[in-house]
């Protein structure tokens, strides 16, 4: 779920999530670590989804404040995606 969310946001649908995870786990021989990464990413994506709902709620009440929160949310999300990509490539 989380990696699918990330790949959709990054428009990287040419390689399946399963292929990426399997390749990484086989290459590093770290199957337990792969499962931990998936859990961590899933938790972070759940937080991002909640924050998105909060931003949408504020947008419905105060457009100007909502736009400000939306920009902050997008910056934070893009930064998180970039960091995850760096960690993925590093490991």
N, C-alpha and C. Protein backbone atom coordinates (compact mmCIF):
# COMPACT_ATOMS: atom_id res chain seq x y z
N UNK A 1 0.82 -1.18 0.00
CA UNK A 1 0.00 0.00 0.00
C UNK A 1 0.86 1.25 0.00
N UNK A 2 1.80 1.35 0.90
CA UNK A 2 2.61 2.56 1.01
C UNK A 2 3.50 2.75 -0.20
N UNK A 3 4.17 1.69 -0.62
CA UNK A 3 5.04 1.84 -1.78
C UNK A 3 4.24 2.16 -3.02
N UNK A 4 3.05 1.58 -3.12
CA UNK A 4 2.17 1.91 -4.24
C UNK A 4 1.85 3.40 -4.22
N UNK A 5 1.54 3.94 -3.04
CA UNK A 5 1.26 5.36 -2.88
C UNK A 5 2.45 6.20 -3.35
N UNK A 6 3.65 5.79 -2.92
CA UNK A 6 4.86 6.51 -3.29
C UNK A 6 5.08 6.47 -4.79
N UNK A 7 4.97 5.29 -5.38
CA UNK A 7 5.21 5.16 -6.80
C UNK A 7 4.17 5.91 -7.62
N UNK A 8 2.94 5.92 -7.16
CA UNK A 8 1.90 6.68 -7.86
C UNK A 8 2.24 8.16 -7.81
N UNK A 9 2.66 8.64 -6.64
CA UNK A 9 3.00 10.05 -6.50
C UNK A 9 4.21 10.42 -7.36
N UNK A 10 5.13 9.50 -7.51
CA UNK A 10 6.33 9.74 -8.30
C UNK A 10 6.14 9.37 -9.76
N UNK A 11 4.96 8.84 -10.12
CA UNK A 11 4.66 8.42 -11.49
C UNK A 11 5.65 7.38 -12.00
N UNK A 12 5.97 6.41 -11.16
CA UNK A 12 6.91 5.36 -11.50
C UNK A 12 6.18 4.02 -11.57
N UNK A 13 5.30 3.84 -12.50
CA UNK A 13 4.48 2.64 -12.56
C UNK A 13 5.07 1.57 -13.49
N UNK A 14 6.26 1.76 -14.04
CA UNK A 14 6.80 0.79 -14.98
C UNK A 14 7.32 -0.46 -14.29
N UNK A 15 7.75 -0.35 -13.06
CA UNK A 15 8.25 -1.49 -12.29
C UNK A 15 7.30 -1.70 -11.12
N UNK A 16 6.94 -2.96 -10.90
CA UNK A 16 5.99 -3.22 -9.82
C UNK A 16 6.68 -3.10 -8.45
N UNK A 17 5.87 -2.83 -7.47
CA UNK A 17 6.35 -2.74 -6.09
C UNK A 17 6.99 -4.05 -5.68
N UNK A 18 6.32 -5.14 -6.03
CA UNK A 18 6.82 -6.45 -5.66
C UNK A 18 8.20 -6.71 -6.25
N UNK A 19 8.41 -6.28 -7.49
CA UNK A 19 9.71 -6.48 -8.13
C UNK A 19 10.80 -5.69 -7.40
N UNK A 20 10.50 -4.46 -7.03
CA UNK A 20 11.49 -3.65 -6.32
C UNK A 20 11.87 -4.25 -4.98
N UNK A 21 10.85 -4.64 -4.21
CA UNK A 21 11.12 -5.20 -2.89
C UNK A 21 11.84 -6.54 -2.99
N UNK A 22 11.40 -7.39 -3.89
CA UNK A 22 12.04 -8.69 -4.02
C UNK A 22 13.49 -8.55 -4.45
N UNK A 23 13.74 -7.68 -5.42
CA UNK A 23 15.12 -7.47 -5.86
C UNK A 23 15.99 -6.97 -4.72
N UNK A 24 15.47 -6.01 -3.97
CA UNK A 24 16.25 -5.44 -2.86
C UNK A 24 16.50 -6.47 -1.77
N UNK A 25 15.50 -7.25 -1.42
CA UNK A 25 15.68 -8.25 -0.37
C UNK A 25 16.63 -9.36 -0.81
N UNK A 26 16.54 -9.77 -2.06
CA UNK A 26 17.45 -10.81 -2.55
C UNK A 26 18.87 -10.28 -2.60
N UNK A 27 19.03 -9.07 -3.11
CA UNK A 27 20.37 -8.50 -3.23
C UNK A 27 21.03 -8.34 -1.87
N UNK A 28 20.29 -7.90 -0.87
CA UNK A 28 20.86 -7.65 0.45
C UNK A 28 20.74 -8.85 1.38
N UNK A 29 19.95 -9.86 0.96
CA UNK A 29 19.70 -11.04 1.79
C UNK A 29 19.15 -10.63 3.16
N UNK A 30 18.30 -9.62 3.15
CA UNK A 30 17.75 -9.10 4.38
C UNK A 30 16.22 -9.05 4.27
N UNK A 31 15.60 -10.21 4.43
CA UNK A 31 14.16 -10.28 4.28
C UNK A 31 13.43 -9.66 5.46
N UNK A 32 13.97 -9.82 6.65
CA UNK A 32 13.35 -9.20 7.83
C UNK A 32 13.42 -7.68 7.73
N UNK A 33 14.56 -7.17 7.30
CA UNK A 33 14.73 -5.73 7.14
C UNK A 33 13.76 -5.16 6.12
N UNK A 34 13.50 -5.93 5.05
CA UNK A 34 12.55 -5.48 4.04
C UNK A 34 11.16 -5.33 4.61
N UNK A 35 10.76 -6.27 5.44
CA UNK A 35 9.44 -6.21 6.07
C UNK A 35 9.35 -5.01 7.02
N UNK A 36 10.44 -4.74 7.74
CA UNK A 36 10.46 -3.59 8.66
C UNK A 36 10.35 -2.28 7.89
N UNK A 37 11.02 -2.20 6.74
CA UNK A 37 10.95 -1.00 5.92
C UNK A 37 9.52 -0.77 5.44
N UNK A 38 8.86 -1.84 5.01
CA UNK A 38 7.48 -1.73 4.54
C UNK A 38 6.58 -1.24 5.66
N UNK A 39 6.75 -1.78 6.86
CA UNK A 39 5.94 -1.33 8.01
C UNK A 39 6.18 0.15 8.31
N UNK A 40 7.43 0.56 8.29
CA UNK A 40 7.77 1.96 8.57
C UNK A 40 7.16 2.88 7.51
N UNK A 41 7.28 2.50 6.26
CA UNK A 41 6.73 3.32 5.18
C UNK A 41 5.21 3.36 5.27
N UNK A 42 4.59 2.23 5.56
CA UNK A 42 3.13 2.20 5.71
C UNK A 42 2.67 3.15 6.81
N UNK A 43 3.40 3.16 7.93
CA UNK A 43 3.06 4.08 9.04
C UNK A 43 3.18 5.53 8.61
N UNK A 44 4.24 5.84 7.89
CA UNK A 44 4.44 7.22 7.45
C UNK A 44 3.36 7.63 6.45
N UNK A 45 2.99 6.73 5.56
CA UNK A 45 1.95 7.04 4.58
C UNK A 45 0.61 7.27 5.27
N UNK A 46 0.32 6.49 6.30
CA UNK A 46 -0.92 6.71 7.06
C UNK A 46 -0.93 8.10 7.68
N UNK A 47 0.23 8.53 8.21
CA UNK A 47 0.33 9.88 8.78
C UNK A 47 0.10 10.94 7.69
N UNK A 48 0.70 10.72 6.53
CA UNK A 48 0.53 11.67 5.43
C UNK A 48 -0.93 11.74 4.98
N UNK A 49 -1.60 10.60 4.96
CA UNK A 49 -3.01 10.59 4.56
C UNK A 49 -3.86 11.36 5.57
N UNK A 50 -3.56 11.22 6.86
CA UNK A 50 -4.29 11.98 7.88
C UNK A 50 -4.02 13.48 7.74
N UNK A 51 -2.77 13.83 7.51
CA UNK A 51 -2.42 15.24 7.33
C UNK A 51 -3.13 15.81 6.10
N UNK A 52 -3.21 15.01 5.04
CA UNK A 52 -3.90 15.46 3.83
C UNK A 52 -5.37 15.76 4.14
N UNK A 53 -6.00 14.89 4.92
CA UNK A 53 -7.40 15.12 5.29
C UNK A 53 -7.55 16.39 6.12
N UNK A 54 -6.59 16.63 7.01
CA UNK A 54 -6.62 17.86 7.81
C UNK A 54 -6.51 19.09 6.91
N UNK A 55 -5.61 19.03 5.93
CA UNK A 55 -5.43 20.15 5.01
C UNK A 55 -6.73 20.39 4.23
N UNK A 56 -7.34 19.31 3.76
CA UNK A 56 -8.60 19.45 3.02
C UNK A 56 -9.68 20.07 3.90
N UNK A 57 -9.70 19.69 5.18
CA UNK A 57 -10.67 20.26 6.11
C UNK A 57 -10.47 21.76 6.28
N UNK A 58 -9.21 22.16 6.42
CA UNK A 58 -8.91 23.59 6.57
C UNK A 58 -9.26 24.33 5.28
N UNK A 59 -8.97 23.72 4.13
CA UNK A 59 -9.32 24.35 2.86
C UNK A 59 -10.81 24.64 2.77
N UNK A 60 -11.63 23.75 3.33
CA UNK A 60 -13.07 23.94 3.31
C UNK A 60 -13.53 25.07 4.22
N UNK A 61 -12.70 25.44 5.19
CA UNK A 61 -13.07 26.48 6.15
C UNK A 61 -12.43 27.84 5.83
N UNK A 62 -11.17 27.79 5.43
CA UNK A 62 -10.40 29.02 5.20
C UNK A 62 -9.43 28.76 4.05
N UNK A 63 -9.76 29.24 2.88
CA UNK A 63 -8.98 28.94 1.67
C UNK A 63 -7.54 29.41 1.80
N UNK A 64 -7.33 30.59 2.32
CA UNK A 64 -5.98 31.13 2.40
C UNK A 64 -5.10 30.32 3.36
N UNK A 65 -5.64 29.99 4.51
CA UNK A 65 -4.90 29.15 5.46
C UNK A 65 -4.71 27.75 4.88
N UNK A 66 -5.72 27.25 4.18
CA UNK A 66 -5.63 25.93 3.56
C UNK A 66 -4.56 25.86 2.49
N UNK A 67 -4.44 26.91 1.70
CA UNK A 67 -3.40 26.95 0.66
C UNK A 67 -2.02 26.93 1.30
N UNK A 68 -1.87 27.69 2.38
CA UNK A 68 -0.59 27.71 3.11
C UNK A 68 -0.26 26.31 3.63
N UNK A 69 -1.24 25.66 4.26
CA UNK A 69 -1.01 24.30 4.78
C UNK A 69 -0.76 23.31 3.65
N UNK A 70 -1.45 23.49 2.53
CA UNK A 70 -1.27 22.60 1.39
C UNK A 70 0.16 22.69 0.85
N UNK A 71 0.67 23.91 0.74
CA UNK A 71 2.05 24.09 0.28
C UNK A 71 3.04 23.44 1.24
N UNK A 72 2.82 23.63 2.54
CA UNK A 72 3.69 23.01 3.54
C UNK A 72 3.62 21.49 3.45
N UNK A 73 2.41 20.97 3.30
CA UNK A 73 2.22 19.53 3.19
C UNK A 73 2.93 18.97 1.96
N UNK A 74 2.78 19.64 0.83
CA UNK A 74 3.42 19.18 -0.40
C UNK A 74 4.94 19.22 -0.28
N UNK A 75 5.47 20.29 0.30
CA UNK A 75 6.92 20.38 0.49
C UNK A 75 7.43 19.26 1.39
N UNK A 76 6.70 19.01 2.48
CA UNK A 76 7.08 17.95 3.40
C UNK A 76 7.01 16.59 2.72
N UNK A 77 5.95 16.37 1.95
CA UNK A 77 5.77 15.09 1.27
C UNK A 77 6.85 14.85 0.24
N UNK A 78 7.15 15.85 -0.57
CA UNK A 78 8.19 15.71 -1.59
C UNK A 78 9.54 15.46 -0.92
N UNK A 79 9.80 16.17 0.15
CA UNK A 79 11.05 15.98 0.89
C UNK A 79 11.15 14.55 1.43
N UNK A 80 10.03 14.04 1.97
CA UNK A 80 10.02 12.68 2.50
C UNK A 80 10.25 11.66 1.39
N UNK A 81 9.59 11.86 0.23
CA UNK A 81 9.79 10.95 -0.90
C UNK A 81 11.24 10.95 -1.36
N UNK A 82 11.83 12.12 -1.44
CA UNK A 82 13.23 12.22 -1.85
C UNK A 82 14.15 11.49 -0.87
N UNK A 83 13.89 11.67 0.42
CA UNK A 83 14.71 11.00 1.45
C UNK A 83 14.54 9.48 1.36
N UNK A 84 13.31 9.02 1.17
CA UNK A 84 13.08 7.58 1.05
C UNK A 84 13.79 7.03 -0.17
N UNK A 85 13.78 7.77 -1.26
CA UNK A 85 14.45 7.32 -2.46
C UNK A 85 15.96 7.20 -2.22
N UNK A 86 16.54 8.17 -1.54
CA UNK A 86 17.97 8.13 -1.21
C UNK A 86 18.28 6.92 -0.33
N UNK A 87 17.44 6.68 0.68
CA UNK A 87 17.65 5.54 1.57
C UNK A 87 17.53 4.23 0.80
N UNK A 88 16.55 4.16 -0.10
CA UNK A 88 16.35 2.95 -0.89
C UNK A 88 17.55 2.66 -1.76
N UNK A 89 18.07 3.70 -2.42
CA UNK A 89 19.24 3.54 -3.29
C UNK A 89 20.48 3.20 -2.48
N UNK A 90 20.61 3.77 -1.29
CA UNK A 90 21.77 3.55 -0.43
C UNK A 90 21.84 2.11 0.03
N UNK A 91 20.69 1.57 0.41
CA UNK A 91 20.66 0.21 0.93
C UNK A 91 20.51 -0.76 -0.20
